[in-house]
C-alpha atoms as a PDB file:
ATOM      1  CA  UNK A   1       6.152 -20.424   6.040  1.00  0.00           C
ATOM      2  CA  UNK A   2       7.447 -18.336   9.373  1.00  0.00           C
ATOM      3  CA  UNK A   3       8.830 -14.899   8.037  1.00  0.00           C
ATOM      4  CA  UNK A   4      10.034 -13.902  12.233  1.00  0.00           C
ATOM      5  CA  UNK A   5      14.045 -13.733  11.820  1.00  0.00           C
ATOM      6  CA  UNK A   6      16.436 -12.843  14.099  1.00  0.00           C
ATOM      7  CA  UNK A   7      18.937  -9.274  14.949  1.00  0.00           C
ATOM      8  CA  UNK A   8      21.899 -11.437  13.241  1.00  0.00           C
ATOM      9  CA  UNK A   9      19.386 -12.070  10.155  1.00  0.00           C
ATOM     10  CA  UNK A  10      18.029  -8.437   9.384  1.00  0.00           C
ATOM     11  CA  UNK A  11      21.165  -6.762   9.833  1.00  0.00           C
ATOM     12  CA  UNK A  12      22.346  -9.090   7.255  1.00  0.00           C
ATOM     13  CA  UNK A  13      19.780  -8.739   5.308  1.00  0.00           C
ATOM     14  CA  UNK A  14      20.352  -4.376   5.875  1.00  0.00           C
ATOM     15  CA  UNK A  15      24.065  -5.377   3.924  1.00  0.00           C
ATOM     16  CA  UNK A  16      22.713  -7.865   1.514  1.00  0.00           C
ATOM     17  CA  UNK A  17      20.574  -4.125   0.405  1.00  0.00           C
ATOM     18  CA  UNK A  18      22.492  -2.095   1.337  1.00  0.00           C
ATOM     19  CA  UNK A  19      20.733  -0.426   3.885  1.00  0.00           C
ATOM     20  CA  UNK A  20      23.105   1.075   6.878  1.00  0.00           C
ATOM     21  CA  UNK A  21      22.258   0.326  10.521  1.00  0.00           C
ATOM     22  CA  UNK A  22      23.753   2.342  13.567  1.00  0.00           C
ATOM     23  CA  UNK A  23      22.474   2.854  17.560  1.00  0.00           C
ATOM     24  CA  UNK A  24      21.109   6.129  18.945  1.00  0.00           C
ATOM     25  CA  UNK A  25      22.100   7.270  21.900  1.00  0.00           C
ATOM     26  CA  UNK A  26      20.192   5.005  24.341  1.00  0.00           C
ATOM     27  CA  UNK A  27      17.533   7.069  27.249  1.00  0.00           C
ATOM     28  CA  UNK A  28      15.687   5.667  29.586  1.00  0.00           C
ATOM     29  CA  UNK A  29      12.388   4.019  29.476  1.00  0.00           C
ATOM     30  CA  UNK A  30      10.332   7.027  31.035  1.00  0.00           C
ATOM     31  CA  UNK A  31      12.692   9.381  28.173  1.00  0.00           C
ATOM     32  CA  UNK A  32      11.806   7.632  25.214  1.00  0.00           C
ATOM     33  CA  UNK A  33       9.493   9.551  22.382  1.00  0.00           C
ATOM     34  CA  UNK A  34       6.219   7.020  21.471  1.00  0.00           C
ATOM     35  CA  UNK A  35       5.993   6.110  17.713  1.00  0.00           C
ATOM     36  CA  UNK A  36       2.313   4.835  17.971  1.00  0.00           C
ATOM     37  CA  UNK A  37       1.643   3.386  14.519  1.00  0.00           C
ATOM     38  CA  UNK A  38      -2.159   2.663  13.323  1.00  0.00           C
ATOM     39  CA  UNK A  39      -2.427   0.263  10.678  1.00  0.00           C
ATOM     40  CA  UNK A  40      -5.576  -1.675   8.956  1.00  0.00           C
ATOM     41  CA  UNK A  41      -3.532  -4.396   7.790  1.00  0.00           C
ATOM     42  CA  UNK A  42      -3.587  -7.433  10.062  1.00  0.00           C
ATOM     43  CA  UNK A  43      -0.218  -8.090  12.391  1.00  0.00           C
ATOM     44  CA  UNK A  44       0.674 -10.767   9.369  1.00  0.00           C
ATOM     45  CA  UNK A  45       0.142  -8.185   6.690  1.00  0.00           C
ATOM     46  CA  UNK A  46       3.842  -8.438   5.872  1.00  0.00           C
ATOM     47  CA  UNK A  47       4.153  -4.518   5.918  1.00  0.00           C
ATOM     48  CA  UNK A  48       3.428  -5.127   9.363  1.00  0.00           C
ATOM     49  CA  UNK A  49       5.597  -7.992  10.040  1.00  0.00           C
ATOM     50  CA  UNK A  50       8.312  -5.688   8.804  1.00  0.00           C
ATOM     51  CA  UNK A  51       7.890  -2.222  10.619  1.00  0.00           C
ATOM     52  CA  UNK A  52       7.454  -4.396  13.704  1.00  0.00           C
ATOM     53  CA  UNK A  53      11.104  -7.083  12.965  1.00  0.00           C
ATOM     54  CA  UNK A  54      13.062  -3.962  11.664  1.00  0.00           C
ATOM     55  CA  UNK A  55      12.037  -0.314  11.842  1.00  0.00           C
ATOM     56  CA  UNK A  56      10.703  -0.996  15.692  1.00  0.00           C
ATOM     57  CA  UNK A  57      14.110  -3.007  16.869  1.00  0.00           C
ATOM     58  CA  UNK A  58      15.883  -0.510  14.506  1.00  0.00           C
ATOM     59  CA  UNK A  59      14.746   3.285  16.631  1.00  0.00           C
ATOM     60  CA  UNK A  60      14.494   1.284  20.224  1.00  0.00           C
ATOM     61  CA  UNK A  61      17.119   2.933  21.612  1.00  0.00           C
ATOM     62  CA  UNK A  62      15.121   6.192  21.692  1.00  0.00           C
ATOM     63  CA  UNK A  63      11.829   5.457  20.458  1.00  0.00           C
ATOM     64  CA  UNK A  64       9.291   2.446  21.569  1.00  0.00           C
ATOM     65  CA  UNK A  65       7.604   1.099  18.712  1.00  0.00           C
ATOM     66  CA  UNK A  66       3.685   1.022  19.041  1.00  0.00           C
ATOM     67  CA  UNK A  67       1.423  -0.256  16.626  1.00  0.00           C
ATOM     68  CA  UNK A  68      -1.580  -0.925  16.762  1.00  0.00           C
ATOM     69  CA  UNK A  69      -3.742  -3.290  13.948  1.00  0.00           C
ATOM     70  CA  UNK A  70      -6.595  -3.658  11.857  1.00  0.00           C
ATOM     71  CA  UNK A  71      -7.425  -0.278  12.263  1.00  0.00           C
ATOM     72  CA  UNK A  72      -8.126  -0.838  16.226  1.00  0.00           C
ATOM     73  CA  UNK A  73      -6.595   2.628  17.338  1.00  0.00           C
ATOM     74  CA  UNK A  74      -8.374   5.087  13.939  1.00  0.00           C
ATOM     75  CA  UNK A  75     -10.668   4.320  11.810  1.00  0.00           C
ATOM     76  CA  UNK A  76      -8.449   3.545   7.772  1.00  0.00           C
ATOM     77  CA  UNK A  77      -8.993   7.026   6.368  1.00  0.00           C
ATOM     78  CA  UNK A  78      -8.989   8.992   9.332  1.00  0.00           C
ATOM     79  CA  UNK A  79      -5.173   7.811   9.875  1.00  0.00           C
ATOM     80  CA  UNK A  80      -4.497  11.017   8.138  1.00  0.00           C
ATOM     81  CA  UNK A  81      -6.533  13.973   9.898  1.00  0.00           C
ATOM     82  CA  UNK A  82      -5.320  12.489  13.256  1.00  0.00           C
ATOM     83  CA  UNK A  83      -1.378  13.069  12.335  1.00  0.00           C
ATOM     84  CA  UNK A  84      -2.709  16.641  11.222  1.00  0.00           C
ATOM     85  CA  UNK A  85      -4.192  17.373  14.332  1.00  0.00           C
ATOM     86  CA  UNK A  86      -1.413  15.450  16.419  1.00  0.00           C
ATOM     87  CA  UNK A  87      -3.360  12.785  17.764  1.00  0.00           C
ATOM     88  CA  UNK A  88      -1.435   9.746  15.459  1.00  0.00           C
ATOM     89  CA  UNK A  89       2.571   9.542  14.887  1.00  0.00           C
ATOM     90  CA  UNK A  90       2.501   7.623  12.658  1.00  0.00           C
ATOM     91  CA  UNK A  91       0.569   5.757   9.553  1.00  0.00           C
ATOM     92  CA  UNK A  92       0.407   3.572   7.051  1.00  0.00           C
ATOM     93  CA  UNK A  93      -1.771   5.652   4.181  1.00  0.00           C
ATOM     94  CA  UNK A  94      -2.074   5.469   0.212  1.00  0.00           C
ATOM     95  CA  UNK A  95      -1.751   8.005  -2.127  1.00  0.00           C
ATOM     96  CA  UNK A  96      -5.503   7.221  -2.643  1.00  0.00           C
ATOM     97  CA  UNK A  97      -5.646   8.692   1.204  1.00  0.00           C
ATOM     98  CA  UNK A  98      -3.746  11.325   0.386  1.00  0.00           C
ATOM     99  CA  UNK A  99      -5.148  12.287  -2.826  1.00  0.00           C
ATOM    100  CA  UNK A 100      -8.295  13.007  -1.135  1.00  0.00           C
ATOM    101  CA  UNK A 101      -7.064  16.121   0.350  1.00  0.00           C
ATOM    102  CA  UNK A 102      -4.908  16.651  -2.453  1.00  0.00           C
ATOM    103  CA  UNK A 103      -6.158  15.927  -5.789  1.00  0.00           C
ATOM    104  CA  UNK A 104      -2.625  15.939  -7.776  1.00  0.00           C
ATOM    105  CA  UNK A 105      -1.749  12.768  -5.621  1.00  0.00           C
ATOM    106  CA  UNK A 106      -3.748  10.499  -7.795  1.00  0.00           C
ATOM    107  CA  UNK A 107      -1.829  10.559 -10.220  1.00  0.00           C
ATOM    108  CA  UNK A 108       0.304   7.837  -7.925  1.00  0.00           C
ATOM    109  CA  UNK A 109      -3.147   5.202  -7.931  1.00  0.00           C
ATOM    110  CA  UNK A 110      -3.719   5.159 -11.300  1.00  0.00           C
ATOM    111  CA  UNK A 111      -3.663   2.419 -13.448  1.00  0.00           C
ATOM    112  CA  UNK A 112      -0.988   0.192 -15.274  1.00  0.00           C
ATOM    113  CA  UNK A 113       1.715   3.867 -14.044  1.00  0.00           C
ATOM    114  CA  UNK A 114       3.691   2.103 -11.571  1.00  0.00           C
ATOM    115  CA  UNK A 115       5.316  -0.286 -13.415  1.00  0.00           C
ATOM    116  CA  UNK A 116       6.618  -2.774 -10.706  1.00  0.00           C
ATOM    117  CA  UNK A 117       8.680  -2.654  -7.203  1.00  0.00           C
ATOM    118  CA  UNK A 118      11.778  -0.983  -8.661  1.00  0.00           C
ATOM    119  CA  UNK A 119       9.709   1.770 -10.729  1.00  0.00           C
ATOM    120  CA  UNK A 120       8.169   2.938  -7.225  1.00  0.00           C
ATOM    121  CA  UNK A 121      11.400   2.804  -5.421  1.00  0.00           C
ATOM    122  CA  UNK A 122      13.460   5.402  -7.944  1.00  0.00           C
ATOM    123  CA  UNK A 123       9.931   7.422  -8.510  1.00  0.00           C
ATOM    124  CA  UNK A 124      10.005   7.886  -4.876  1.00  0.00           C
ATOM    125  CA  UNK A 125      13.949   9.231  -4.429  1.00  0.00           C
ATOM    126  CA  UNK A 126      13.592  11.056  -7.896  1.00  0.00           C
ATOM    127  CA  UNK A 127      13.330  14.388  -7.565  1.00  0.00           C
ATOM    128  CA  UNK A 128      10.058  15.215  -9.018  1.00  0.00           C
ATOM    129  CA  UNK A 129       8.685  13.998  -5.858  1.00  0.00           C
ATOM    130  CA  UNK A 130      10.376  17.114  -3.923  1.00  0.00           C
ATOM    131  CA  UNK A 131       6.356  19.110  -4.655  1.00  0.00           C
ATOM    132  CA  UNK A 132       4.714  15.991  -3.654  1.00  0.00           C
ATOM    133  CA  UNK A 133       6.946  15.853   0.147  1.00  0.00           C
ATOM    134  CA  UNK A 134       6.437  19.533   0.085  1.00  0.00           C
ATOM    135  CA  UNK A 135       2.711  19.605  -0.589  1.00  0.00           C
ATOM    136  CA  UNK A 136       2.068  16.868   2.316  1.00  0.00           C
ATOM    137  CA  UNK A 137       4.200  18.416   5.100  1.00  0.00           C
ATOM    138  CA  UNK A 138       2.605  21.763   4.251  1.00  0.00           C
ATOM    139  CA  UNK A 139      -1.366  20.055   3.202  1.00  0.00           C
ATOM    140  CA  UNK A 140      -1.286  18.065   6.500  1.00  0.00           C
ATOM    141  CA  UNK A 141       1.682  18.778   8.434  1.00  0.00           C
ATOM    142  CA  UNK A 142       3.076  14.618   7.490  1.00  0.00           C
ATOM    143  CA  UNK A 143       6.563  13.658   6.169  1.00  0.00           C
ATOM    144  CA  UNK A 144       6.343  10.509   3.941  1.00  0.00           C
ATOM    145  CA  UNK A 145       9.467   8.330   4.832  1.00  0.00           C
ATOM    146  CA  UNK A 146       9.336   5.739   2.412  1.00  0.00           C
ATOM    147  CA  UNK A 147       7.456   3.691   0.009  1.00  0.00           C
ATOM    148  CA  UNK A 148       5.942   0.573   0.604  1.00  0.00           C
ATOM    149  CA  UNK A 149       5.397  -2.307  -2.027  1.00  0.00           C
ATOM    150  CA  UNK A 150       1.924  -3.638  -1.982  1.00  0.00           C
ATOM    151  CA  UNK A 151       1.945  -5.699  -4.633  1.00  0.00           C
ATOM    152  CA  UNK A 152       0.162  -6.098  -8.192  1.00  0.00           C
ATOM    153  CA  UNK A 153      -3.685  -5.455  -7.938  1.00  0.00           C
ATOM    154  CA  UNK A 154      -5.949  -8.053  -9.393  1.00  0.00           C
ATOM    155  CA  UNK A 155      -9.733  -9.040  -9.695  1.00  0.00           C
ATOM    156  CA  UNK A 156     -10.941 -11.349  -6.586  1.00  0.00           C
ATOM    157  CA  UNK A 157     -14.257 -12.337  -6.929  1.00  0.00           C
ATOM    158  CA  UNK A 158     -17.285 -14.931  -5.588  1.00  0.00           C
ATOM    159  CA  UNK A 159     -18.900 -16.097  -9.015  1.00  0.00           C
ATOM    160  CA  UNK A 160     -17.622 -18.738 -11.095  1.00  0.00           C
ATOM    161  CA  UNK A 161     -15.711 -19.119 -14.175  1.00  0.00           C
ATOM    162  CA  UNK A 162     -18.286 -20.579 -15.937  1.00  0.00           C
ATOM    163  CA  UNK A 163     -20.331 -18.173 -14.553  1.00  0.00           C
ATOM    164  CA  UNK A 164     -18.443 -15.086 -15.190  1.00  0.00           C
ATOM    165  CA  UNK A 165     -15.322 -14.793 -17.373  1.00  0.00           C
ATOM    166  CA  UNK A 166     -13.222 -12.243 -17.178  1.00  0.00           C
ATOM    167  CA  UNK A 167     -11.440 -10.858 -19.957  1.00  0.00           C
ATOM    168  CA  UNK A 168     -11.920  -7.578 -21.083  1.00  0.00           C
ATOM    169  CA  UNK A 169     -13.738  -4.746 -18.780  1.00  0.00           C
ATOM    170  CA  UNK A 170     -17.191  -4.997 -20.721  1.00  0.00           C
ATOM    171  CA  UNK A 171     -16.771  -8.454 -18.795  1.00  0.00           C
ATOM    172  CA  UNK A 172     -17.205  -6.530 -15.103  1.00  0.00           C
ATOM    173  CA  UNK A 173     -20.864  -4.632 -16.357  1.00  0.00           C
ATOM    174  CA  UNK A 174     -22.793  -4.523 -13.455  1.00  0.00           C
ATOM    175  CA  UNK A 175     -19.781  -6.586 -10.989  1.00  0.00           C
ATOM    176  CA  UNK A 176     -20.746  -4.738  -7.650  1.00  0.00           C
ATOM    177  CA  UNK A 177     -16.309  -4.382  -6.857  1.00  0.00           C
ATOM    178  CA  UNK A 178     -15.810  -3.660  -3.251  1.00  0.00           C
ATOM    179  CA  UNK A 179     -13.381  -0.692  -3.101  1.00  0.00           C
ATOM    180  CA  UNK A 180     -12.179   1.519  -0.563  1.00  0.00           C
ATOM    181  CA  UNK A 181     -14.377   4.820  -0.694  1.00  0.00           C
ATOM    182  CA  UNK A 182     -12.186   7.381  -1.474  1.00  0.00           C
ATOM    183  CA  UNK A 183     -12.686   9.410  -4.717  1.00  0.00           C
ATOM    184  CA  UNK A 184      -9.125   7.975  -6.795  1.00  0.00           C
ATOM    185  CA  UNK A 185     -10.293   4.366  -5.439  1.00  0.00           C
ATOM    186  CA  UNK A 186     -13.831   4.792  -6.862  1.00  0.00           C
ATOM    187  CA  UNK A 187     -12.644   6.037 -10.432  1.00  0.00           C
ATOM    188  CA  UNK A 188     -10.234   3.351 -11.240  1.00  0.00           C
ATOM    189  CA  UNK A 189     -12.915   1.434 -10.118  1.00  0.00           C
ATOM    190  CA  UNK A 190     -15.357   2.627 -12.724  1.00  0.00           C
ATOM    191  CA  UNK A 191     -12.009   3.124 -15.001  1.00  0.00           C
ATOM    192  CA  UNK A 192     -12.366  -1.223 -14.638  1.00  0.00           C
ATOM    193  CA  UNK A 193     -15.744  -1.710 -15.798  1.00  0.00           C
ATOM    194  CA  UNK A 194     -16.894  -2.055 -12.934  1.00  0.00           C
ATOM    195  CA  UNK A 195     -19.385  -0.879 -10.324  1.00  0.00           C
ATOM    196  CA  UNK A 196     -17.361   0.064  -6.993  1.00  0.00           C
ATOM    197  CA  UNK A 197     -18.930  -0.557  -3.680  1.00  0.00           C
ATOM    198  CA  UNK A 198     -17.466   1.393  -1.041  1.00  0.00           C
ATOM    199  CA  UNK A 199     -16.941  -0.226   1.633  1.00  0.00           C
ATOM    200  CA  UNK A 200     -13.918  -1.071   5.028  1.00  0.00           C
ATOM    201  CA  UNK A 201     -11.442  -3.235   4.707  1.00  0.00           C
ATOM    202  CA  UNK A 202     -11.987  -5.093   7.780  1.00  0.00           C
ATOM    203  CA  UNK A 203     -15.682  -5.942   6.402  1.00  0.00           C
ATOM    204  CA  UNK A 204     -15.019  -7.321   3.114  1.00  0.00           C
ATOM    205  CA  UNK A 205     -14.908 -10.594   3.959  1.00  0.00           C
ATOM    206  CA  UNK A 206     -17.961 -10.690   5.862  1.00  0.00           C
ATOM    207  CA  UNK A 207     -19.703  -9.303   2.418  1.00  0.00           C
ATOM    208  CA  UNK A 208     -18.183 -11.595   0.250  1.00  0.00           C
ATOM    209  CA  UNK A 209     -19.033 -14.691   1.999  1.00  0.00           C
ATOM    210  CA  UNK A 210     -22.893 -12.761   2.542  1.00  0.00           C
ATOM    211  CA  UNK A 211     -23.331 -12.059  -1.157  1.00  0.00           C
ATOM    212  CA  UNK A 212     -23.370  -8.559   0.241  1.00  0.00           C
ATOM    213  CA  UNK A 213     -20.517  -7.577  -3.108  1.00  0.00           C
ATOM    214  CA  UNK A 214     -19.258  -9.489  -5.501  1.00  0.00           C
ATOM    215  CA  UNK A 215     -15.744  -8.688  -5.825  1.00  0.00           C
ATOM    216  CA  UNK A 216     -12.553  -6.812  -4.157  1.00  0.00           C
ATOM    217  CA  UNK A 217      -9.389  -6.063  -5.634  1.00  0.00           C
ATOM    218  CA  UNK A 218      -6.321  -7.106  -3.846  1.00  0.00           C
ATOM    219  CA  UNK A 219      -2.750  -8.653  -4.152  1.00  0.00           C
ATOM    220  CA  UNK A 220      -2.462 -12.035  -3.410  1.00  0.00           C
ATOM    221  CA  UNK A 221      -0.424 -12.052  -0.474  1.00  0.00           C
ATOM    222  CA  UNK A 222      -3.699 -10.335   0.645  1.00  0.00           C
ATOM    223  CA  UNK A 223      -6.115 -12.265  -0.650  1.00  0.00           C
ATOM    224  CA  UNK A 224      -4.095 -15.013   1.331  1.00  0.00           C
ATOM    225  CA  UNK A 225      -3.767 -12.983   4.563  1.00  0.00           C
ATOM    226  CA  UNK A 226      -7.564 -11.891   4.486  1.00  0.00           C
ATOM    227  CA  UNK A 227      -8.254 -16.088   3.846  1.00  0.00           C
ATOM    228  CA  UNK A 228     -10.686 -14.550   1.238  1.00  0.00           C
ATOM    229  CA  UNK A 229      -9.981 -17.434  -0.921  1.00  0.00           C
ATOM    230  CA  UNK A 230     -12.443 -18.476   1.706  1.00  0.00           C
ATOM    231  CA  UNK A 231     -15.220 -17.182  -0.143  1.00  0.00           C
ATOM    232  CA  UNK A 232     -14.167 -16.456  -4.057  1.00  0.00           C
ATOM    233  CA  UNK A 233     -14.114 -18.469  -7.325  1.00  0.00           C
ATOM    234  CA  UNK A 234     -11.418 -16.744  -8.807  1.00  0.00           C
ATOM    235  CA  UNK A 235      -8.710 -14.812  -9.828  1.00  0.00           C
ATOM    236  CA  UNK A 236      -8.519 -12.283 -12.870  1.00  0.00           C
ATOM    237  CA  UNK A 237      -4.721 -10.944 -12.960  1.00  0.00           C
ATOM    238  CA  UNK A 238      -5.080  -7.826 -14.493  1.00  0.00           C
ATOM    239  CA  UNK A 239      -2.094  -6.504 -12.462  1.00  0.00           C
ATOM    240  CA  UNK A 240      -3.932  -3.200 -13.076  1.00  0.00           C
ATOM    241  CA  UNK A 241      -2.314  -1.222 -10.457  1.00  0.00           C
ATOM    242  CA  UNK A 242       1.468  -1.865  -8.561  1.00  0.00           C
ATOM    243  CA  UNK A 243      -0.074  -0.598  -5.433  1.00  0.00           C
ATOM    244  CA  UNK A 244       2.341   1.305  -2.786  1.00  0.00           C
ATOM    245  CA  UNK A 245       1.672   2.782   0.379  1.00  0.00           C
ATOM    246  CA  UNK A 246       3.369   5.286   2.096  1.00  0.00           C
ATOM    247  CA  UNK A 247       5.180   4.686   5.947  1.00  0.00           C
ATOM    248  CA  UNK A 248       4.198   8.597   6.941  1.00  0.00           C
ATOM    249  CA  UNK A 249       5.333  10.493  10.645  1.00  0.00           C
ATOM    250  CA  UNK A 250       3.538  13.620  11.600  1.00  0.00           C
ATOM    251  CA  UNK A 251       5.746  17.078  11.355  1.00  0.00           C
ATOM    252  CA  UNK A 252       5.533  17.314  15.456  1.00  0.00           C
ATOM    253  CA  UNK A 253       6.689  14.118  16.566  1.00  0.00           C
ATOM    254  CA  UNK A 254       9.271  14.497  13.632  1.00  0.00           C
ATOM    255  CA  UNK A 255      10.390  17.655  14.770  1.00  0.00           C
ATOM    256  CA  UNK A 256       9.956  16.945  17.992  1.00  0.00           C
ATOM    257  CA  UNK A 257      13.337  14.622  17.342  1.00  0.00           C
ATOM    258  CA  UNK A 258      17.662  15.132  17.781  1.00  0.00           C
ATOM    259  CA  UNK A 259      18.781  15.073  13.893  1.00  0.00           C
ATOM    260  CA  UNK A 260      19.909  12.115  14.985  1.00  0.00           C
ATOM    261  CA  UNK A 261      17.261  10.516  16.082  1.00  0.00           C
ATOM    262  CA  UNK A 262      15.421  11.870  12.941  1.00  0.00           C
ATOM    263  CA  UNK A 263      18.206   9.904  10.436  1.00  0.00           C
ATOM    264  CA  UNK A 264      17.573   6.557  12.775  1.00  0.00           C
ATOM    265  CA  UNK A 265      13.187   6.793  12.046  1.00  0.00           C
ATOM    266  CA  UNK A 266      14.785   7.140   8.563  1.00  0.00           C
ATOM    267  CA  UNK A 267      17.124   4.832   8.238  1.00  0.00           C
ATOM    268  CA  UNK A 268      14.169   1.889   9.829  1.00  0.00           C
ATOM    269  CA  UNK A 269      11.416   3.564   7.891  1.00  0.00           C
ATOM    270  CA  UNK A 270      14.103   2.871   4.617  1.00  0.00           C
ATOM    271  CA  UNK A 271      14.940  -0.481   6.639  1.00  0.00           C
ATOM    272  CA  UNK A 272      11.496  -1.668   6.744  1.00  0.00           C
ATOM    273  CA  UNK A 273      10.011  -1.379   3.006  1.00  0.00           C
ATOM    274  CA  UNK A 274      12.921  -2.744   1.910  1.00  0.00           C
ATOM    275  CA  UNK A 275      12.637  -5.732   3.558  1.00  0.00           C
ATOM    276  CA  UNK A 276       9.286  -6.033   3.293  1.00  0.00           C
ATOM    277  CA  UNK A 277       9.240  -5.548  -0.750  1.00  0.00           C
ATOM    278  CA  UNK A 278      11.320  -8.447  -0.820  1.00  0.00           C
ATOM    279  CA  UNK A 279       9.376 -10.766   0.949  1.00  0.00           C
ATOM    280  CA  UNK A 280       5.979  -9.321  -0.996  1.00  0.00           C
ATOM    281  CA  UNK A 281       8.267 -10.003  -4.134  1.00  0.00           C
ATOM    282  CA  UNK A 282       8.722 -13.724  -2.402  1.00  0.00           C
ATOM    283  CA  UNK A 283       4.815 -13.932  -1.688  1.00  0.00           C
ATOM    284  CA  UNK A 284       4.011 -12.848  -4.906  1.00  0.00           C
ATOM    285  CA  UNK A 285       5.901 -15.050  -7.106  1.00  0.00           C
ATOM    286  CA  UNK A 286       4.756 -17.933  -4.573  1.00  0.00           C
ATOM    287  CA  UNK A 287       1.065 -17.608  -3.403  1.00  0.00           C
ATOM    288  CA  UNK A 288      -0.738 -18.583  -7.256  1.00  0.00           C
ATOM    289  CA  UNK A 289      -0.793 -21.660  -6.999  1.00  0.00           C
ATOM    290  CA  UNK A 290      -1.226 -21.497  -2.561  1.00  0.00           C
ATOM    291  CA  UNK A 291      -4.740 -20.233  -3.934  1.00  0.00           C
ATOM    292  CA  UNK A 292      -5.816 -22.793  -6.626  1.00  0.00           C
ATOM    293  CA  UNK A 293      -5.174 -25.568  -3.985  1.00  0.00           C
ATOM    294  CA  UNK A 294      -7.928 -23.890  -2.407  1.00  0.00           C
ATOM    295  CA  UNK A 295     -10.527 -24.576  -5.210  1.00  0.00           C
ATOM    296  CA  UNK A 296      -9.687 -20.524  -6.653  1.00  0.00           C
ATOM    297  CA  UNK A 297      -8.734 -20.424 -10.229  1.00  0.00           C
ATOM    298  CA  UNK A 298      -6.429 -18.194 -11.023  1.00  0.00           C
ATOM    299  CA  UNK A 299      -5.901 -16.867 -15.089  1.00  0.00           C
ATOM    300  CA  UNK A 300      -4.816 -14.252 -16.739  1.00  0.00           C
ATOM    301  CA  UNK A 301      -7.587 -12.111 -18.349  1.00  0.00           C
ATOM    302  CA  UNK A 302      -6.427  -9.866 -21.706  1.00  0.00           C
ATOM    303  CA  UNK A 303      -4.658  -6.947 -19.354  1.00  0.00           C
ATOM    304  CA  UNK A 304      -4.150  -5.398 -23.144  1.00  0.00           C
ATOM    305  CA  UNK A 305      -7.646  -4.680 -23.010  1.00  0.00           C
ATOM    306  CA  UNK A 306      -7.628  -3.724 -20.004  1.00  0.00           C
ATOM    307  CA  UNK A 307      -5.165  -1.335 -19.696  1.00  0.00           C
ATOM    308  CA  UNK A 308      -5.579   0.077 -23.362  1.00  0.00           C
ATOM    309  CA  UNK A 309      -9.299   1.349 -21.477  1.00  0.00           C
ATOM    310  CA  UNK A 310      -8.172   1.835 -17.846  1.00  0.00           C
ATOM    311  CA  UNK A 311      -5.406   4.217 -19.491  1.00  0.00           C
ATOM    312  CA  UNK A 312      -8.023   5.894 -21.990  1.00  0.00           C
ATOM    313  CA  UNK A 313     -10.615   6.824 -18.247  1.00  0.00           C
ATOM    314  CA  UNK A 314      -7.816   8.832 -16.446  1.00  0.00           C
ATOM    315  CA  UNK A 315      -5.911  11.053 -19.690  1.00  0.00           C
ATOM    316  CA  UNK A 316      -9.832  12.055 -20.258  1.00  0.00           C
ATOM    317  CA  UNK A 317     -10.525  12.436 -16.357  1.00  0.00           C
ATOM    318  CA  UNK A 318     -10.575  15.569 -13.984  1.00  0.00           C
ATOM    319  CA  UNK A 319      -8.265  13.930 -12.007  1.00  0.00           C
ATOM    320  CA  UNK A 320      -5.430  14.057 -14.907  1.00  0.00           C
ATOM    321  CA  UNK A 321      -6.386  17.923 -15.162  1.00  0.00           C
ATOM    322  CA  UNK A 322      -4.863  18.072 -11.780  1.00  0.00           C
ATOM    323  CA  UNK A 323      -1.790  16.115 -12.283  1.00  0.00           C
ATOM    324  CA  UNK A 324       1.192  18.706 -12.942  1.00  0.00           C
ATOM    325  CA  UNK A 325       2.709  19.583 -16.389  1.00  0.00           C
ATOM    326  CA  UNK A 326       5.299  17.265 -17.082  1.00  0.00           C
ATOM    327  CA  UNK A 327       4.383  14.641 -13.671  1.00  0.00           C
ATOM    328  CA  UNK A 328       3.692  11.591 -16.029  1.00  0.00           C
ATOM    329  CA  UNK A 329       6.265  11.316 -18.574  1.00  0.00           C
ATOM    330  CA  UNK A 330       8.874  11.972 -15.896  1.00  0.00           C
ATOM    331  CA  UNK A 331       7.638   8.897 -14.113  1.00  0.00           C
ATOM    332  CA  UNK A 332       7.199   7.020 -17.207  1.00  0.00           C
ATOM    333  CA  UNK A 333      11.037   7.731 -18.161  1.00  0.00           C
ATOM    334  CA  UNK A 334      12.099   6.015 -14.499  1.00  0.00           C
ATOM    335  CA  UNK A 335      10.256   2.924 -16.117  1.00  0.00           C
ATOM    336  CA  UNK A 336      12.496   0.056 -17.768  1.00  0.00           C
END
C-alpha cells in the first residue's frame, strides 16, 4: 500500500484536519536553516513518512529538512542529549526517554493511562502540560512541538499459542521480552509480568530470529514495517500502552528562527502529527488480518486482568511518587 501524497492531496488533507497553512518568505539555498531529524524508525515508518512528506514541504521556503533514519545519525536514546548540547536540531523522542532526565514524564509512559489517540492530543494541548513543557525546556534546552500517535502496543512472541497461551500477566513469567533500556520501559515490562530485556531497536529482528529474546512489544504497524511477523508466531492484543512520540526541536535551533519561521515550524509539526495519526489509525484497523495471513496467530487476552495488574504495579511504585499532584486525575478527566 502506498502512502505517497501529492502537494494537492496534502493541502486537501490539511483543510480536512482544520490545519492552517501558509508560505514562509523563501530564501536562497545558502541561507536556509538546516533541520536535521534523527529517528530510530525506518524511512517507511509512518512517523518518518509524515515528516518527510508533510513537515518538509511546509518549511521548505526557509529550511532544509534532513531526516536520518534507523538511528544512523545518533543512536536511539542519545538524541535528547545531542539536542541539549546543540549537536542536533530535531528528533522524535518518547516519554520514556524524557523520564530518564525527568521522572515526572513516566506518567505518560504508564500502562493503560492514555485511552486512545484523541486522548493523547487532548492531554498534550491541555494546560496540565504547561509545567511539563517548561521542565523539558529548562532541563534539556529542548522544545516539544507536537504529539505523534505511535499506536497500541501488544505482546509479540516467538512461541506458538500452543506453547504459550497468554491470557494474564502470570502467563508471561520468565518470558524475555525486549524493551528499550530506560527505567520507565523496563518497569513496564516487569509490570506486564515479563522479564524485560534491554535491547536496541535495530537489533530486535536478529534477536528474535536467533532466540536471544522471546518477544517484543510494538504496535501492529511497526510489526509489519520491521517484518517481525517473519520471526514470531503470535500476537496477544494486550493494548497495554497507547504509545506516543513527541516531535522535538532544540531551543538553540528554535530561538535562531524568526517568529514567522517558528509559527511555520509549529504548523508543520502539527500537520505532520495529524496526518501521521490518521494514517496510523487506518493501518491499525487493517493489519491484523494481514499478519494472520503470514502465519501469526492474533488474539485478545484477558485485558481486564492485565489492566488491573499493571496499574497496581505503578500505584505502589516510586515512579508514581514523582508524578505532579493531581496530574493523573487531570489526564483521566480528559478521557472519553
